[in-house]
Amino acid sequence: MRILIDTHILIWHLEGDFQLSSARRTLIASPANSILISKTSVWEIAIKLSLGKLGL
C-alpha cells in the first residue's frame, strides 16, 4: 500500500513522539507499505530547522 504522510506525522515518527498512534507506527514501519513524503514536507522541515523550532 502507498501511504502519503504529512509533515507532522513524519516529524512525530522521526522523533518517536507519543502523539503518533501505534497503528500509524505499524503502518509506517511495515515493509509491505511504500511511504511517500511530499517535497513540501522537506521544505517545511528545512524552514523549521533554520528557525531553530525543530531539533531532529
C-alpha atoms as a PDB file:
ATOM      1  CA  MET A   1       0.000   0.000   0.000  1.00  0.00           C
ATOM      2  CA  ARG A   2       1.208   3.531  -0.718  1.00  0.00           C
ATOM      3  CA  ILE A   3       0.933   5.914   2.204  1.00  0.00           C
ATOM      4  CA  LEU A   4       1.477   9.662   1.888  1.00  0.00           C
ATOM      5  CA  ILE A   5       2.408  11.121   5.253  1.00  0.00           C
ATOM      6  CA  ASP A   6       2.279  14.792   6.113  1.00  0.00           C
ATOM      7  CA  THR A   7       4.952  16.853   7.837  1.00  0.00           C
ATOM      8  CA  HIS A   8       3.634  16.369  11.378  1.00  0.00           C
ATOM      9  CA  ILE A   9       3.401  12.600  11.013  1.00  0.00           C
ATOM     10  CA  LEU A  10       6.925  12.480   9.571  1.00  0.00           C
ATOM     11  CA  ILE A  11       8.366  14.568  12.413  1.00  0.00           C
ATOM     12  CA  TRP A  12       6.498  12.581  15.074  1.00  0.00           C
ATOM     13  CA  HIS A  13       7.752   9.343  13.515  1.00  0.00           C
ATOM     14  CA  LEU A  14      11.366  10.519  13.361  1.00  0.00           C
ATOM     15  CA  GLU A  15      11.268  11.807  16.937  1.00  0.00           C
ATOM     16  CA  GLY A  16       9.364   8.808  18.322  1.00  0.00           C
ATOM     17  CA  ASP A  17       6.665  11.170  19.604  1.00  0.00           C
ATOM     18  CA  PHE A  18       3.805   9.676  21.630  1.00  0.00           C
ATOM     19  CA  GLN A  19       1.273  11.648  19.551  1.00  0.00           C
ATOM     20  CA  LEU A  20       1.751   9.147  16.730  1.00  0.00           C
ATOM     21  CA  SER A  21      -0.583   6.224  17.380  1.00  0.00           C
ATOM     22  CA  SER A  22       0.726   2.680  17.479  1.00  0.00           C
ATOM     23  CA  ALA A  23      -1.474   1.824  14.477  1.00  0.00           C
ATOM     24  CA  ARG A  24       0.220   4.531  12.417  1.00  0.00           C
ATOM     25  CA  ARG A  25       3.662   3.469  13.632  1.00  0.00           C
ATOM     26  CA  THR A  26       2.899  -0.060  12.466  1.00  0.00           C
ATOM     27  CA  LEU A  27       1.751   1.148   9.030  1.00  0.00           C
ATOM     28  CA  ILE A  28       4.878   3.257   8.569  1.00  0.00           C
ATOM     29  CA  ALA A  29       7.228   0.516   9.766  1.00  0.00           C
ATOM     30  CA  SER A  30       5.708  -2.254   7.653  1.00  0.00           C
ATOM     31  CA  PRO A  31       7.951  -3.261   4.736  1.00  0.00           C
ATOM     32  CA  ALA A  32       4.772  -4.051   2.771  1.00  0.00           C
ATOM     33  CA  ASN A  33       3.963  -0.330   2.579  1.00  0.00           C
ATOM     34  CA  SER A  34       5.599   2.371   0.476  1.00  0.00           C
ATOM     35  CA  ILE A  35       5.903   5.589   2.445  1.00  0.00           C
ATOM     36  CA  LEU A  36       5.638   8.738   0.353  1.00  0.00           C
ATOM     37  CA  ILE A  37       6.769  12.165   1.545  1.00  0.00           C
ATOM     38  CA  SER A  38       5.911  15.396  -0.214  1.00  0.00           C
ATOM     39  CA  LYS A  39       8.646  17.784  -1.335  1.00  0.00           C
ATOM     40  CA  THR A  40       6.714  20.373   0.631  1.00  0.00           C
ATOM     41  CA  SER A  41       7.316  18.404   3.836  1.00  0.00           C
ATOM     42  CA  VAL A  42      11.062  18.511   3.219  1.00  0.00           C
ATOM     43  CA  TRP A  43      10.799  22.267   2.621  1.00  0.00           C
ATOM     44  CA  GLU A  44       8.739  22.777   5.818  1.00  0.00           C
ATOM     45  CA  ILE A  45      11.251  20.803   7.883  1.00  0.00           C
ATOM     46  CA  ALA A  46      14.145  22.836   6.444  1.00  0.00           C
ATOM     47  CA  ILE A  47      12.382  26.055   7.437  1.00  0.00           C
ATOM     48  CA  LYS A  48      11.672  24.786  10.976  1.00  0.00           C
ATOM     49  CA  LEU A  49      15.310  23.701  11.363  1.00  0.00           C
ATOM     50  CA  SER A  50      16.634  27.057  10.153  1.00  0.00           C
ATOM     51  CA  LEU A  51      14.375  28.891  12.617  1.00  0.00           C
ATOM     52  CA  GLY A  52      15.504  26.671  15.478  1.00  0.00           C
ATOM     53  CA  LYS A  53      11.965  25.353  16.012  1.00  0.00           C
ATOM     54  CA  LEU A  54      12.936  21.750  15.374  1.00  0.00           C
ATOM     55  CA  GLY A  55      15.771  19.673  16.729  1.00  0.00           C
ATOM     56  CA  LEU A  56      15.879  16.436  14.774  1.00  0.00           C
END
